[in-house]
PDB file of N, CA and C in Angstrom:
ATOM      1  N   MET A   1       0.847  -1.171   0.000  1.00  0.00           N
ATOM      2  CA  MET A   1       0.000   0.000   0.000  1.00  0.00           C
ATOM      3  C   MET A   1       0.895   1.237   0.000  1.00  0.00           C
ATOM      4  N   GLU A   2       0.644   2.133  -0.901  1.00  0.00           N
ATOM      5  CA  GLU A   2       1.391   3.383  -0.957  1.00  0.00           C
ATOM      6  C   GLU A   2       0.610   4.456  -0.207  1.00  0.00           C
ATOM      7  N   LEU A   3       1.287   5.144   0.662  1.00  0.00           N
ATOM      8  CA  LEU A   3       0.628   6.131   1.515  1.00  0.00           C
ATOM      9  C   LEU A   3       0.911   7.542   1.002  1.00  0.00           C
ATOM     10  N   ILE A   4       0.420   7.823  -0.175  1.00  0.00           N
ATOM     11  CA  ILE A   4       0.625   9.142  -0.776  1.00  0.00           C
ATOM     12  C   ILE A   4      -0.058  10.202   0.073  1.00  0.00           C
ATOM     13  N   GLY A   5       0.674  11.239   0.409  1.00  0.00           N
ATOM     14  CA  GLY A   5       0.130  12.316   1.232  1.00  0.00           C
ATOM     15  C   GLY A   5       0.276  12.094   2.717  1.00  0.00           C
ATOM     16  N   ALA A   6       0.926  10.992   3.107  1.00  0.00           N
ATOM     17  CA  ALA A   6       1.106  10.712   4.533  1.00  0.00           C
ATOM     18  C   ALA A   6       1.985  11.771   5.173  1.00  0.00           C
ATOM     19  N   ILE A   7       1.586  12.228   6.327  1.00  0.00           N
ATOM     20  CA  ILE A   7       2.379  13.154   7.121  1.00  0.00           C
ATOM     21  C   ILE A   7       2.891  12.368   8.324  1.00  0.00           C
ATOM     22  N   TRP A   8       4.193  12.122   8.338  1.00  0.00           N
ATOM     23  CA  TRP A   8       4.811  11.295   9.367  1.00  0.00           C
ATOM     24  C   TRP A   8       5.207  12.149  10.565  1.00  0.00           C
ATOM     25  N   ARG A   9       4.979  11.582  11.750  1.00  0.00           N
ATOM     26  CA  ARG A   9       5.354  12.291  12.974  1.00  0.00           C
ATOM     27  C   ARG A   9       5.924  11.297  13.977  1.00  0.00           C
ATOM     28  N   LYS A  10       6.784  11.809  14.833  1.00  0.00           N
ATOM     29  CA  LYS A  10       7.347  11.015  15.927  1.00  0.00           C
ATOM     30  C   LYS A  10       6.726  11.490  17.232  1.00  0.00           C
ATOM     31  N   SER A  11       6.762  10.649  18.213  1.00  0.00           N
ATOM     32  CA  SER A  11       6.276  11.021  19.533  1.00  0.00           C
ATOM     33  C   SER A  11       7.107  12.171  20.087  1.00  0.00           C
ATOM     34  N   THR A  12       6.470  13.044  20.815  1.00  0.00           N
ATOM     35  CA  THR A  12       7.203  14.123  21.470  1.00  0.00           C
ATOM     36  C   THR A  12       8.103  13.570  22.570  1.00  0.00           C
ATOM     37  N   ARG A  13       7.919  12.328  22.933  1.00  0.00           N
ATOM     38  CA  ARG A  13       8.751  11.680  23.949  1.00  0.00           C
ATOM     39  C   ARG A  13       9.925  10.921  23.338  1.00  0.00           C
ATOM     40  N   SER A  14      10.101  11.027  22.044  1.00  0.00           N
ATOM     41  CA  SER A  14      11.214  10.356  21.376  1.00  0.00           C
ATOM     42  C   SER A  14      12.535  10.963  21.819  1.00  0.00           C
ATOM     43  N   GLY A  15      13.555  10.139  21.837  1.00  0.00           N
ATOM     44  CA  GLY A  15      14.887  10.619  22.188  1.00  0.00           C
ATOM     45  C   GLY A  15      15.495  11.425  21.046  1.00  0.00           C
ATOM     46  N   VAL A  16      16.585  12.090  21.341  1.00  0.00           N
ATOM     47  CA  VAL A  16      17.246  12.930  20.343  1.00  0.00           C
ATOM     48  C   VAL A  16      17.990  12.112  19.295  1.00  0.00           C
ATOM     49  N   GLN A  17      18.241  10.848  19.551  1.00  0.00           N
ATOM     50  CA  GLN A  17      18.954  10.005  18.596  1.00  0.00           C
ATOM     51  C   GLN A  17      18.062   9.554  17.447  1.00  0.00           C
ATOM     52  N   GLY A  18      16.780   9.687  17.589  1.00  0.00           N
ATOM     53  CA  GLY A  18      15.855   9.360  16.514  1.00  0.00           C
ATOM     54  C   GLY A  18      15.549   7.891  16.335  1.00  0.00           C
ATOM     55  N   ASP A  19      15.900   7.062  17.300  1.00  0.00           N
ATOM     56  CA  ASP A  19      15.619   5.636  17.208  1.00  0.00           C
ATOM     57  C   ASP A  19      14.201   5.361  17.692  1.00  0.00           C
ATOM     58  N   CYS A  20      13.243   5.565  16.807  1.00  0.00           N
ATOM     59  CA  CYS A  20      11.859   5.385  17.215  1.00  0.00           C
ATOM     60  C   CYS A  20      11.000   5.070  15.982  1.00  0.00           C
ATOM     61  N   VAL A  21       9.736   5.001  16.198  1.00  0.00           N
ATOM     62  CA  VAL A  21       8.810   4.790  15.097  1.00  0.00           C
ATOM     63  C   VAL A  21       8.145   6.113  14.735  1.00  0.00           C
ATOM     64  N   GLU A  22       7.682   6.174  13.511  1.00  0.00           N
ATOM     65  CA  GLU A  22       6.907   7.321  13.050  1.00  0.00           C
ATOM     66  C   GLU A  22       5.519   6.818  12.679  1.00  0.00           C
ATOM     67  N   VAL A  23       4.540   7.663  12.873  1.00  0.00           N
ATOM     68  CA  VAL A  23       3.152   7.321  12.596  1.00  0.00           C
ATOM     69  C   VAL A  23       2.566   8.354  11.638  1.00  0.00           C
ATOM     70  N   ALA A  24       1.810   7.863  10.678  1.00  0.00           N
ATOM     71  CA  ALA A  24       1.049   8.738   9.783  1.00  0.00           C
ATOM     72  C   ALA A  24      -0.421   8.394   9.985  1.00  0.00           C
ATOM     73  N   ASP A  25      -1.144   9.307  10.606  1.00  0.00           N
ATOM     74  CA  ASP A  25      -2.566   9.045  10.884  1.00  0.00           C
ATOM     75  C   ASP A  25      -3.469  10.105  10.261  1.00  0.00           C
ATOM     76  N   ASN A  26      -2.984  10.733   9.212  1.00  0.00           N
ATOM     77  CA  ASN A  26      -3.760  11.786   8.564  1.00  0.00           C
ATOM     78  C   ASN A  26      -4.542  11.309   7.346  1.00  0.00           C
ATOM     79  N   LEU A  27      -4.424  10.039   6.988  1.00  0.00           N
ATOM     80  CA  LEU A  27      -5.119   9.528   5.805  1.00  0.00           C
ATOM     81  C   LEU A  27      -6.408   8.817   6.207  1.00  0.00           C
ATOM     82  N   PRO A  28      -7.431   8.904   5.382  1.00  0.00           N
ATOM     83  CA  PRO A  28      -8.694   8.245   5.724  1.00  0.00           C
ATOM     84  C   PRO A  28      -8.579   6.723   5.659  1.00  0.00           C
ATOM     85  N   GLY A  29      -8.988   6.068   6.731  1.00  0.00           N
ATOM     86  CA  GLY A  29      -9.108   4.616   6.742  1.00  0.00           C
ATOM     87  C   GLY A  29      -7.836   3.838   6.952  1.00  0.00           C
ATOM     88  N   VAL A  30      -6.696   4.501   7.186  1.00  0.00           N
ATOM     89  CA  VAL A  30      -5.449   3.763   7.378  1.00  0.00           C
ATOM     90  C   VAL A  30      -4.480   4.569   8.247  1.00  0.00           C
ATOM     91  N   VAL A  31      -3.730   3.835   9.078  1.00  0.00           N
ATOM     92  CA  VAL A  31      -2.662   4.426   9.880  1.00  0.00           C
ATOM     93  C   VAL A  31      -1.386   3.688   9.501  1.00  0.00           C
ATOM     94  N   GLY A  32      -0.349   4.442   9.133  1.00  0.00           N
ATOM     95  CA  GLY A  32       0.926   3.847   8.780  1.00  0.00           C
ATOM     96  C   GLY A  32       1.916   3.989   9.914  1.00  0.00           C
ATOM     97  N   VAL A  33       2.775   2.978  10.064  1.00  0.00           N
ATOM     98  CA  VAL A  33       3.815   2.984  11.090  1.00  0.00           C
ATOM     99  C   VAL A  33       5.110   2.525  10.428  1.00  0.00           C
ATOM    100  N   ARG A  34       6.196   3.285  10.646  1.00  0.00           N
ATOM    101  CA  ARG A  34       7.481   2.924  10.047  1.00  0.00           C
ATOM    102  C   ARG A  34       8.623   3.226  11.010  1.00  0.00           C
ATOM    103  N   ASP A  35       9.783   2.676  10.703  1.00  0.00           N
ATOM    104  CA  ASP A  35      11.009   2.894  11.467  1.00  0.00           C
ATOM    105  C   ASP A  35      11.603   4.232  11.048  1.00  0.00           C
ATOM    106  N   SER A  36      11.824   5.118  11.993  1.00  0.00           N
ATOM    107  CA  SER A  36      12.343   6.446  11.656  1.00  0.00           C
ATOM    108  C   SER A  36      13.741   6.387  11.058  1.00  0.00           C
ATOM    109  N   LYS A  37      14.502   5.324  11.338  1.00  0.00           N
ATOM    110  CA  LYS A  37      15.844   5.197  10.784  1.00  0.00           C
ATOM    111  C   LYS A  37      15.813   4.730   9.330  1.00  0.00           C
ATOM    112  N   ASP A  38      14.687   4.235   8.858  1.00  0.00           N
ATOM    113  CA  ASP A  38      14.575   3.694   7.502  1.00  0.00           C
ATOM    114  C   ASP A  38      13.274   4.190   6.856  1.00  0.00           C
ATOM    115  N   PRO A  39      13.183   5.495   6.578  1.00  0.00           N
ATOM    116  CA  PRO A  39      11.925   6.060   6.082  1.00  0.00           C
ATOM    117  C   PRO A  39      11.475   5.535   4.714  1.00  0.00           C
ATOM    118  N   THR A  40      12.375   4.925   3.966  1.00  0.00           N
ATOM    119  CA  THR A  40      11.967   4.352   2.678  1.00  0.00           C
ATOM    120  C   THR A  40      11.742   2.851   2.783  1.00  0.00           C
ATOM    121  N   GLY A  41      11.864   2.317   3.984  1.00  0.00           N
ATOM    122  CA  GLY A  41      11.691   0.887   4.215  1.00  0.00           C
ATOM    123  C   GLY A  41      10.226   0.506   4.344  1.00  0.00           C
ATOM    124  N   PRO A  42       9.981  -0.687   4.845  1.00  0.00           N
ATOM    125  CA  PRO A  42       8.611  -1.197   4.950  1.00  0.00           C
ATOM    126  C   PRO A  42       7.757  -0.389   5.925  1.00  0.00           C
ATOM    127  N   VAL A  43       6.460  -0.411   5.667  1.00  0.00           N
ATOM    128  CA  VAL A  43       5.472   0.285   6.489  1.00  0.00           C
ATOM    129  C   VAL A  43       4.423  -0.716   6.935  1.00  0.00           C
ATOM    130  N   LEU A  44       4.111  -0.712   8.207  1.00  0.00           N
ATOM    131  CA  LEU A  44       2.973  -1.481   8.713  1.00  0.00           C
ATOM    132  C   LEU A  44       1.742  -0.604   8.608  1.00  0.00           C
ATOM    133  N   THR A  45       0.627  -1.183   8.230  1.00  0.00           N
ATOM    134  CA  THR A  45      -0.611  -0.406   8.154  1.00  0.00           C
ATOM    135  C   THR A  45      -1.685  -1.057   9.025  1.00  0.00           C
ATOM    136  N   PHE A  46      -2.496  -0.201   9.612  1.00  0.00           N
ATOM    137  CA  PHE A  46      -3.571  -0.626  10.503  1.00  0.00           C
ATOM    138  C   PHE A  46      -4.814   0.174  10.178  1.00  0.00           C
ATOM    139  N   ASP A  47      -5.979  -0.401  10.444  1.00  0.00           N
ATOM    140  CA  ASP A  47      -7.178   0.414  10.349  1.00  0.00           C
ATOM    141  C   ASP A  47      -7.217   1.275  11.611  1.00  0.00           C
ATOM    142  N   PRO A  48      -7.825   2.446  11.546  1.00  0.00           N
ATOM    143  CA  PRO A  48      -7.798   3.384  12.687  1.00  0.00           C
ATOM    144  C   PRO A  48      -8.314   2.800  13.998  1.00  0.00           C
ATOM    145  N   GLN A  49      -9.332   1.963  13.943  1.00  0.00           N
ATOM    146  CA  GLN A  49      -9.877   1.387  15.177  1.00  0.00           C
ATOM    147  C   GLN A  49      -8.847   0.475  15.845  1.00  0.00           C
ATOM    148  N   THR A  50      -8.165  -0.331  15.065  1.00  0.00           N
ATOM    149  CA  THR A  50      -7.139  -1.217  15.613  1.00  0.00           C
ATOM    150  C   THR A  50      -5.995  -0.408  16.197  1.00  0.00           C
ATOM    151  N   TRP A  51      -5.582   0.652  15.503  1.00  0.00           N
ATOM    152  CA  TRP A  51      -4.499   1.496  16.004  1.00  0.00           C
ATOM    153  C   TRP A  51      -4.888   2.152  17.330  1.00  0.00           C
ATOM    154  N   ARG A  52      -6.100   2.676  17.424  1.00  0.00           N
ATOM    155  CA  ARG A  52      -6.553   3.301  18.675  1.00  0.00           C
ATOM    156  C   ARG A  52      -6.554   2.286  19.819  1.00  0.00           C
ATOM    157  N   ALA A  53      -6.979   1.052  19.539  1.00  0.00           N
ATOM    158  CA  ALA A  53      -6.986   0.016  20.569  1.00  0.00           C
ATOM    159  C   ALA A  53      -5.562  -0.305  21.020  1.00  0.00           C
ATOM    160  N   PHE A  54      -4.620  -0.375  20.084  1.00  0.00           N
ATOM    161  CA  PHE A  54      -3.225  -0.631  20.429  1.00  0.00           C
ATOM    162  C   PHE A  54      -2.670   0.487  21.303  1.00  0.00           C
ATOM    163  N   VAL A  55      -2.892   1.726  20.923  1.00  0.00           N
ATOM    164  CA  VAL A  55      -2.381   2.866  21.688  1.00  0.00           C
ATOM    165  C   VAL A  55      -2.990   2.875  23.092  1.00  0.00           C
ATOM    166  N   ALA A  56      -4.279   2.630  23.195  1.00  0.00           N
ATOM    167  CA  ALA A  56      -4.936   2.591  24.508  1.00  0.00           C
ATOM    168  C   ALA A  56      -4.336   1.500  25.385  1.00  0.00           C
ATOM    169  N   PHE A  57      -4.084   0.330  24.806  1.00  0.00           N
ATOM    170  CA  PHE A  57      -3.474  -0.786  25.548  1.00  0.00           C
ATOM    171  C   PHE A  57      -2.061  -0.399  25.993  1.00  0.00           C
ATOM    172  N   ALA A  58      -1.276   0.180  25.091  1.00  0.00           N
ATOM    173  CA  ALA A  58       0.107   0.553  25.417  1.00  0.00           C
ATOM    174  C   ALA A  58       0.149   1.595  26.542  1.00  0.00           C
ATOM    175  N   LYS A  59      -0.791   2.508  26.557  1.00  0.00           N
ATOM    176  CA  LYS A  59      -0.815   3.527  27.608  1.00  0.00           C
ATOM    177  C   LYS A  59      -1.123   2.926  28.973  1.00  0.00           C
ATOM    178  N   GLN A  60      -1.808   1.798  29.012  1.00  0.00           N
ATOM    179  CA  GLN A  60      -2.158   1.151  30.281  1.00  0.00           C
ATOM    180  C   GLN A  60      -1.008   0.343  30.857  1.00  0.00           C
ATOM    181  N   HIS A  61      -0.010   0.041  30.033  1.00  0.00           N
ATOM    182  CA  HIS A  61       1.070  -0.857  30.482  1.00  0.00           C
ATOM    183  C   HIS A  61       2.401  -0.207  30.475  1.00  0.00           C
TER     184      HIS A  61
END
């Protein structure tokens, strides 16, 4: 899946070394996740509901 128009962002809690993931959640019906060190590499995609459930779970743990 090509994410044309994706706006990638890192968490404000990311370290200065940039070893983190980036998320693009500005597209309708899909959320992209990629490795910030390899921006042209593979992208995981999730539907928005699944992504919200993952984030909610991660915040609890």
